[in-house]
Amino acid sequence: MPSKPSSPSDLVRVEARALEALAERLDGAMQEAFTRATGLLKACAEGRHRAVLLGIGKSGLIARKIAATLTSTGTPAHFLHPAEALHGDIGAVSAGDIAIALSASGETEEVLRMVPVLKRLGVPLISFTGAANSSLARASEIVLDCGVTEEACTLNLAPTASTTVMLALGDALAIEVSRSHNFQAADFADLHPGGHLGRRLTPVRDLMHSGEALPRVAADTPMTEVIYEMSRKKLGMTTVTSEPEGDLLGIISDGDLRRLLEREGPRALEHTAGEIMNPHPVTVDPGTLAPAALALMERKKITTLIVTRGAASGAEVLGAVHLHDLWTLELS
């Protein structure tokens, strides 16, 4: 029998060993069952059905978290308390859904009482259990082994290592399903509009300076007016666009002006915007997320991105996003 953990670090190592054992099972004996579970959940989500998570006590708390992780990564899911389900809430389950039941022993009475109801509804059952020969395992279409050799609890009684394993397995399942249906950062952003995370995943369309706030001149605009437009809009640049279409022809930055003045002195003011513009500005699609836009700016060593609809050459200008807008978002 494993020795009892004698320090906080020993307790953590018990759980770490349980996770290592889980990882080995996922690479070996449990790989086929895990792949089947992923396929079932992917088909469930594609059919606009839901995963229903079941559990009592500590397993129920883990089931709630797994349901939340599935939902936030693109697989609709919800937690259903087995006792409440047997008193009317079973109406939340319908044909096409998938049930995922968590029970370390596989003998949790309230969970087992759900089995006949699920069978009657034709809902497949996936079990997270540490007992392969339990009643729950025998009733399940797919069994995912959450067994541990010891709990971190010094009495080897309180669910600790076993619930950690359940949680990690649920996370792995949620992420693998999201990867299987090509869940992207933009999809994640759509599901997380609030809080710091939601702000960081804001698309540039929601941050850009547009309309009257966007610096804009025509190709034949004299340099004196170009400088006035740049100073007035305070973005350190101006777009050069066609008239009346408003399609992008180029960009003039503070740096372009400085280099022009260094080369030509007072004669710089004799030029027009079209003669000195950079005809190949860096552009992004309006759906580009803030972190990607910031990474692009840092890689290109620029302070402004032009937001366009379509390809950069002759594209319609929608707005501009400045480096400071993205830094502010990152720090908020």
Protein backbone atom coordinates (compact mmCIF):
# COMPACT_ATOMS: atom_id res chain seq x y z
CA MET A 1 0.00 0.00 0.00
CA PRO A 2 1.36 3.49 -0.85
CA SER A 3 2.80 5.41 2.10
CA LYS A 4 0.62 8.18 3.50
CA PRO A 5 1.52 11.69 2.25
CA SER A 6 3.31 13.52 5.05
CA SER A 7 3.64 17.06 3.68
CA PRO A 8 1.81 19.45 1.34
CA SER A 9 4.32 18.68 -1.41
CA ASP A 10 3.70 14.95 -0.94
CA LEU A 11 -0.03 15.58 -1.36
CA VAL A 12 0.59 17.36 -4.65
CA ARG A 13 2.90 14.55 -5.83
CA VAL A 14 0.15 12.01 -5.21
CA GLU A 15 -2.10 13.92 -7.60
CA ALA A 16 0.77 14.40 -10.07
CA ARG A 17 1.38 10.64 -10.16
CA ALA A 18 -2.32 10.06 -10.75
CA LEU A 19 -2.22 12.45 -13.72
CA GLU A 20 0.88 10.73 -15.14
CA ALA A 21 -0.93 7.41 -14.91
CA LEU A 22 -3.92 8.93 -16.73
CA ALA A 23 -1.64 10.23 -19.49
CA GLU A 24 -0.17 6.74 -19.93
CA ARG A 25 -3.65 5.23 -20.23
CA LEU A 26 -4.62 7.84 -22.84
CA ASP A 27 -1.58 6.83 -24.88
CA GLY A 28 -2.35 3.16 -24.41
CA ALA A 29 -5.28 1.12 -23.12
CA MET A 30 -7.80 3.97 -23.07
CA GLN A 31 -6.88 5.55 -26.41
CA GLU A 32 -9.58 3.80 -28.44
CA ALA A 33 -12.33 4.58 -25.91
CA PHE A 34 -11.25 8.23 -25.73
CA THR A 35 -11.30 8.51 -29.54
CA ARG A 36 -14.81 7.05 -29.66
CA ALA A 37 -15.98 9.50 -26.98
CA THR A 38 -14.52 12.40 -28.97
CA GLY A 39 -16.35 11.23 -32.09
CA LEU A 40 -19.67 10.95 -30.24
CA LEU A 41 -19.36 14.45 -28.81
CA LYS A 42 -18.33 15.94 -32.15
CA ALA A 43 -21.38 14.40 -33.85
CA CYS A 44 -23.56 15.60 -30.98
CA ALA A 45 -22.37 19.19 -31.39
CA GLU A 46 -22.69 19.09 -35.19
CA GLY A 47 -26.26 17.85 -34.79
CA ARG A 48 -27.03 20.84 -32.52
CA HIS A 49 -27.51 18.55 -29.52
CA ARG A 50 -25.88 18.78 -26.10
CA ALA A 51 -23.69 16.85 -23.73
CA VAL A 52 -25.43 16.32 -20.38
CA LEU A 53 -23.04 16.00 -17.41
CA LEU A 54 -24.17 14.01 -14.37
CA GLY A 55 -22.62 13.59 -10.94
CA ILE A 56 -23.23 13.77 -7.20
CA GLY A 57 -21.09 15.42 -4.53
CA LYS A 58 -17.47 16.13 -5.50
CA SER A 59 -17.97 14.34 -8.82
CA GLY A 60 -20.93 16.63 -9.45
CA LEU A 61 -18.77 19.70 -8.91
CA ILE A 62 -16.23 18.38 -11.41
CA ALA A 63 -19.05 17.58 -13.83
CA ARG A 64 -20.21 21.21 -13.63
CA LYS A 65 -16.74 22.43 -14.53
CA ILE A 66 -16.40 20.00 -17.44
CA ALA A 67 -19.79 21.15 -18.77
CA ALA A 68 -18.56 24.75 -18.60
CA THR A 69 -15.31 23.88 -20.41
CA LEU A 70 -17.14 22.00 -23.15
CA THR A 71 -19.52 24.92 -23.68
CA SER A 72 -16.78 27.54 -23.74
CA THR A 73 -14.82 25.57 -26.35
CA GLY A 74 -17.70 25.12 -28.77
CA THR A 75 -19.47 21.95 -27.58
CA PRO A 76 -22.90 22.77 -26.07
CA ALA A 77 -23.22 21.15 -22.65
CA HIS A 78 -24.96 21.54 -19.32
CA PHE A 79 -24.90 19.96 -15.87
CA LEU A 80 -27.95 18.03 -14.71
CA HIS A 81 -28.23 17.02 -11.06
CA PRO A 82 -29.37 13.37 -11.08
CA ALA A 83 -31.70 13.76 -8.08
CA GLU A 84 -33.39 16.81 -9.63
CA ALA A 85 -33.60 15.02 -12.98
CA LEU A 86 -35.63 12.24 -11.40
CA HIS A 87 -38.10 14.83 -10.11
CA GLY A 88 -38.89 16.58 -13.37
CA ASP A 89 -35.64 18.00 -14.77
CA ILE A 90 -35.18 15.01 -17.08
CA GLY A 91 -37.08 17.15 -19.58
CA ALA A 92 -33.75 18.90 -20.20
CA VAL A 93 -32.51 15.72 -21.93
CA SER A 94 -33.66 14.78 -25.42
CA ALA A 95 -32.87 12.25 -28.13
CA GLY A 96 -29.60 13.11 -29.82
CA ASP A 97 -27.95 14.29 -26.59
CA ILE A 98 -25.07 12.43 -24.96
CA ALA A 99 -24.83 11.77 -21.21
CA ILE A 100 -21.50 11.82 -19.39
CA ALA A 101 -21.76 10.42 -15.86
CA LEU A 102 -19.03 10.85 -13.24
CA SER A 103 -18.73 8.39 -10.36
CA ALA A 104 -15.45 7.15 -8.90
CA SER A 105 -17.08 4.01 -7.53
CA GLY A 106 -19.50 3.52 -10.39
CA GLU A 107 -22.16 2.69 -7.83
CA THR A 108 -23.61 6.13 -7.01
CA GLU A 109 -27.29 5.41 -6.45
CA GLU A 110 -28.70 8.66 -7.89
CA VAL A 111 -26.59 8.31 -11.04
CA LEU A 112 -27.56 4.65 -11.53
CA ARG A 113 -31.24 5.52 -11.27
CA MET A 114 -30.74 7.73 -14.34
CA VAL A 115 -29.57 4.81 -16.50
CA PRO A 116 -33.01 3.36 -17.39
CA VAL A 117 -34.30 6.84 -18.22
CA LEU A 118 -31.37 7.51 -20.53
CA LYS A 119 -31.81 4.14 -22.21
CA ARG A 120 -35.50 4.87 -22.79
CA LEU A 121 -34.60 8.18 -24.43
CA GLY A 122 -31.92 6.55 -26.58
CA VAL A 123 -29.19 8.75 -25.09
CA PRO A 124 -25.69 7.18 -25.22
CA LEU A 125 -23.83 7.07 -21.91
CA ILE A 126 -20.15 7.81 -21.38
CA SER A 127 -18.86 7.11 -17.88
CA PHE A 128 -15.91 8.57 -15.99
CA THR A 129 -15.26 5.95 -13.31
CA GLY A 130 -12.45 4.24 -11.48
CA ALA A 131 -14.26 0.89 -11.37
CA ALA A 132 -14.28 -0.93 -14.71
CA ASN A 133 -16.63 -3.67 -13.44
CA SER A 134 -19.09 -1.35 -11.71
CA SER A 135 -22.79 -1.11 -12.46
CA LEU A 136 -22.25 2.26 -14.19
CA ALA A 137 -19.44 0.92 -16.35
CA ARG A 138 -21.50 -2.08 -17.45
CA ALA A 139 -24.38 0.23 -18.44
CA SER A 140 -22.17 2.59 -20.46
CA GLU A 141 -21.44 2.61 -24.16
CA ILE A 142 -17.98 4.05 -23.44
CA VAL A 143 -16.00 3.76 -20.21
CA LEU A 144 -13.15 6.21 -19.49
CA ASP A 145 -10.94 4.95 -16.68
CA CYS A 146 -10.42 7.51 -13.88
CA GLY A 147 -8.97 5.05 -11.41
CA VAL A 148 -6.26 6.08 -8.95
CA THR A 149 -4.09 3.96 -6.67
CA GLU A 150 -4.44 6.40 -3.77
CA GLU A 151 -6.14 9.63 -2.82
CA ALA A 152 -4.15 12.61 -1.61
CA CYS A 153 -6.28 12.52 1.52
CA THR A 154 -4.18 11.06 4.37
CA LEU A 155 -7.13 8.81 5.25
CA ASN A 156 -7.39 7.75 1.59
CA LEU A 157 -11.09 8.66 1.75
CA ALA A 158 -11.84 12.20 0.53
CA PRO A 159 -12.00 12.48 -3.29
CA THR A 160 -8.81 14.36 -4.20
CA ALA A 161 -6.57 12.61 -6.71
CA SER A 162 -9.62 10.93 -8.26
CA THR A 163 -11.43 14.23 -8.87
CA THR A 164 -8.22 15.79 -10.22
CA VAL A 165 -8.01 12.97 -12.76
CA MET A 166 -11.66 13.42 -13.70
CA LEU A 167 -11.11 17.13 -14.23
CA ALA A 168 -8.01 16.62 -16.39
CA LEU A 169 -9.77 13.96 -18.45
CA GLY A 170 -12.73 16.28 -18.99
CA ASP A 171 -10.42 19.08 -20.09
CA ALA A 172 -8.64 16.73 -22.52
CA LEU A 173 -11.95 15.58 -23.96
CA ALA A 174 -13.28 19.13 -24.37
CA ILE A 175 -10.13 20.39 -26.08
CA GLU A 176 -9.85 17.37 -28.36
CA VAL A 177 -13.48 17.78 -29.47
CA SER A 178 -12.97 21.51 -30.09
CA ARG A 179 -9.88 20.72 -32.16
CA SER A 180 -11.78 18.10 -34.15
CA HIS A 181 -14.34 20.67 -35.35
CA ASN A 182 -11.67 23.36 -35.96
CA PHE A 183 -12.67 25.66 -33.13
CA GLN A 184 -10.67 28.89 -33.61
CA ALA A 185 -9.71 31.88 -31.50
CA ALA A 186 -12.43 33.92 -33.20
CA ASP A 187 -15.01 31.33 -32.14
CA PHE A 188 -13.67 31.49 -28.59
CA ALA A 189 -13.96 35.27 -28.66
CA ASP A 190 -17.61 35.06 -29.70
CA LEU A 191 -18.33 32.97 -26.60
CA HIS A 192 -16.33 35.19 -24.20
CA PRO A 193 -17.39 38.81 -24.79
CA GLY A 194 -17.02 39.91 -21.17
CA GLY A 195 -14.16 40.49 -18.75
CA HIS A 196 -10.44 40.77 -19.38
CA LEU A 197 -10.36 37.72 -21.64
CA GLY A 198 -13.20 39.05 -23.75
CA ARG A 199 -11.45 42.40 -24.13
CA ARG A 200 -8.21 40.75 -25.23
CA LEU A 201 -10.09 38.77 -27.87
CA THR A 202 -11.77 41.83 -29.34
CA PRO A 203 -11.66 42.02 -33.16
CA VAL A 204 -10.02 45.11 -34.65
CA ARG A 205 -13.35 46.18 -36.13
CA ASP A 206 -14.38 47.11 -32.57
CA LEU A 207 -11.18 49.06 -31.90
CA MET A 208 -10.44 50.83 -35.16
CA HIS A 209 -10.70 54.56 -35.83
CA SER A 210 -13.21 54.99 -38.62
CA GLY A 211 -15.44 57.58 -40.25
CA GLU A 212 -14.37 61.13 -39.37
CA ALA A 213 -11.73 59.81 -36.96
CA LEU A 214 -9.81 58.13 -39.79
CA PRO A 215 -7.08 60.24 -41.44
CA ARG A 216 -7.77 60.26 -45.16
CA VAL A 217 -6.44 62.29 -48.13
CA ALA A 218 -6.63 61.99 -51.92
CA ALA A 219 -3.58 61.26 -54.06
CA ASP A 220 -3.42 64.87 -55.35
CA THR A 221 -3.58 66.46 -51.87
CA PRO A 222 -0.73 69.00 -51.29
CA MET A 223 1.72 68.23 -48.51
CA THR A 224 0.56 71.14 -46.36
CA GLU A 225 -2.93 69.61 -46.22
CA VAL A 226 -1.49 66.13 -45.65
CA ILE A 227 0.39 67.39 -42.58
CA TYR A 228 -2.73 69.17 -41.32
CA GLU A 229 -4.82 65.99 -41.66
CA MET A 230 -2.23 63.92 -39.82
CA SER A 231 -1.94 66.47 -37.00
CA ARG A 232 -5.70 66.83 -36.68
CA LYS A 233 -6.46 63.08 -36.46
CA LYS A 234 -3.49 62.29 -34.15
CA LEU A 235 -2.72 58.78 -35.38
CA GLY A 236 0.74 59.52 -36.74
CA MET A 237 -0.31 58.66 -40.27
CA THR A 238 -2.89 59.17 -42.98
CA THR A 239 -4.38 56.87 -45.54
CA VAL A 240 -4.31 57.87 -49.20
CA THR A 241 -7.50 56.82 -50.94
CA SER A 242 -9.15 57.05 -54.31
CA GLU A 243 -12.08 59.40 -54.86
CA PRO A 244 -14.97 58.93 -54.58
CA GLU A 245 -14.63 55.17 -53.96
CA GLY A 246 -12.42 55.44 -50.89
CA ASP A 247 -10.24 52.50 -51.91
CA LEU A 248 -6.75 52.25 -50.43
CA LEU A 249 -3.91 53.59 -52.54
CA GLY A 250 -1.24 53.92 -49.85
CA ILE A 251 -0.26 55.37 -46.51
CA ILE A 252 1.92 58.24 -45.28
CA SER A 253 3.42 57.95 -41.80
CA ASP A 254 5.28 60.38 -39.54
CA GLY A 255 8.41 58.47 -40.46
CA ASP A 256 7.78 58.98 -44.18
CA LEU A 257 7.46 62.73 -43.62
CA ARG A 258 10.60 62.90 -41.49
CA ARG A 259 12.68 61.06 -44.09
CA LEU A 260 11.29 63.28 -46.87
CA LEU A 261 12.23 66.44 -44.97
CA GLU A 262 15.71 65.09 -44.29
CA ARG A 263 16.20 64.46 -48.00
CA GLU A 264 14.60 67.54 -49.52
CA GLY A 265 14.19 70.17 -46.84
CA PRO A 266 11.65 72.91 -47.75
CA ARG A 267 11.14 71.37 -51.21
CA ALA A 268 9.32 68.50 -49.51
CA LEU A 269 6.21 70.67 -49.36
CA GLU A 270 6.07 70.79 -53.17
CA HIS A 271 4.96 67.15 -53.39
CA THR A 272 1.51 65.62 -53.34
CA ALA A 273 0.35 62.69 -51.21
CA GLY A 274 0.45 60.28 -54.14
CA GLU A 275 4.07 61.09 -54.87
CA ILE A 276 5.44 60.19 -51.45
CA MET A 277 3.02 57.57 -50.09
CA ASN A 278 3.98 53.99 -49.34
CA PRO A 279 1.87 52.04 -51.86
CA HIS A 280 2.19 48.76 -49.90
CA PRO A 281 0.85 49.38 -46.38
CA VAL A 282 0.26 46.54 -43.95
CA THR A 283 -3.45 45.75 -43.77
CA VAL A 284 -5.68 43.42 -41.78
CA ASP A 285 -9.17 42.05 -42.07
CA PRO A 286 -11.77 43.56 -39.68
CA GLY A 287 -12.18 40.20 -37.97
CA THR A 288 -8.52 40.01 -36.93
CA LEU A 289 -8.28 39.60 -33.17
CA ALA A 290 -6.37 42.12 -31.05
CA PRO A 291 -3.50 39.77 -30.01
CA ALA A 292 -2.83 38.83 -33.65
CA ALA A 293 -2.89 42.49 -34.71
CA LEU A 294 -0.48 43.43 -31.92
CA ALA A 295 1.90 40.59 -32.85
CA LEU A 296 1.85 41.74 -36.48
CA MET A 297 2.67 45.34 -35.52
CA GLU A 298 5.55 44.24 -33.33
CA ARG A 299 6.90 41.95 -36.05
CA LYS A 300 6.68 44.66 -38.73
CA LYS A 301 7.86 47.39 -36.30
CA ILE A 302 4.95 49.68 -37.19
CA THR A 303 2.46 51.62 -35.07
CA THR A 304 -0.67 51.52 -37.24
CA LEU A 305 -2.54 48.87 -39.20
CA ILE A 306 -5.03 49.74 -41.92
CA VAL A 307 -8.27 47.75 -41.69
CA THR A 308 -9.61 46.91 -45.13
CA ARG A 309 -12.32 44.84 -46.71
CA GLY A 310 -10.76 42.41 -49.17
CA ALA A 311 -7.24 42.29 -50.60
CA ALA A 312 -4.81 45.11 -49.79
CA SER A 313 -4.47 46.33 -53.38
CA GLY A 314 -7.38 48.69 -54.06
CA ALA A 315 -9.31 47.44 -51.03
CA GLU A 316 -12.01 49.49 -49.36
CA VAL A 317 -10.63 51.25 -46.28
CA LEU A 318 -12.70 50.63 -43.17
CA GLY A 319 -10.48 52.14 -40.50
CA ALA A 320 -7.12 52.10 -38.74
CA VAL A 321 -5.99 50.61 -35.43
CA HIS A 322 -3.08 52.12 -33.50
CA LEU A 323 -0.52 50.34 -31.35
CA HIS A 324 -1.62 52.30 -28.28
CA ASP A 325 -5.19 51.01 -28.69
CA LEU A 326 -3.91 47.44 -28.43
CA TRP A 327 -1.49 48.12 -25.58
CA THR A 328 -4.32 49.71 -23.60
CA LEU A 329 -6.46 46.63 -24.22
CA GLU A 330 -3.69 44.28 -23.10
CA LEU A 331 -3.16 46.21 -19.87
CA SER A 332 -6.81 46.75 -18.96
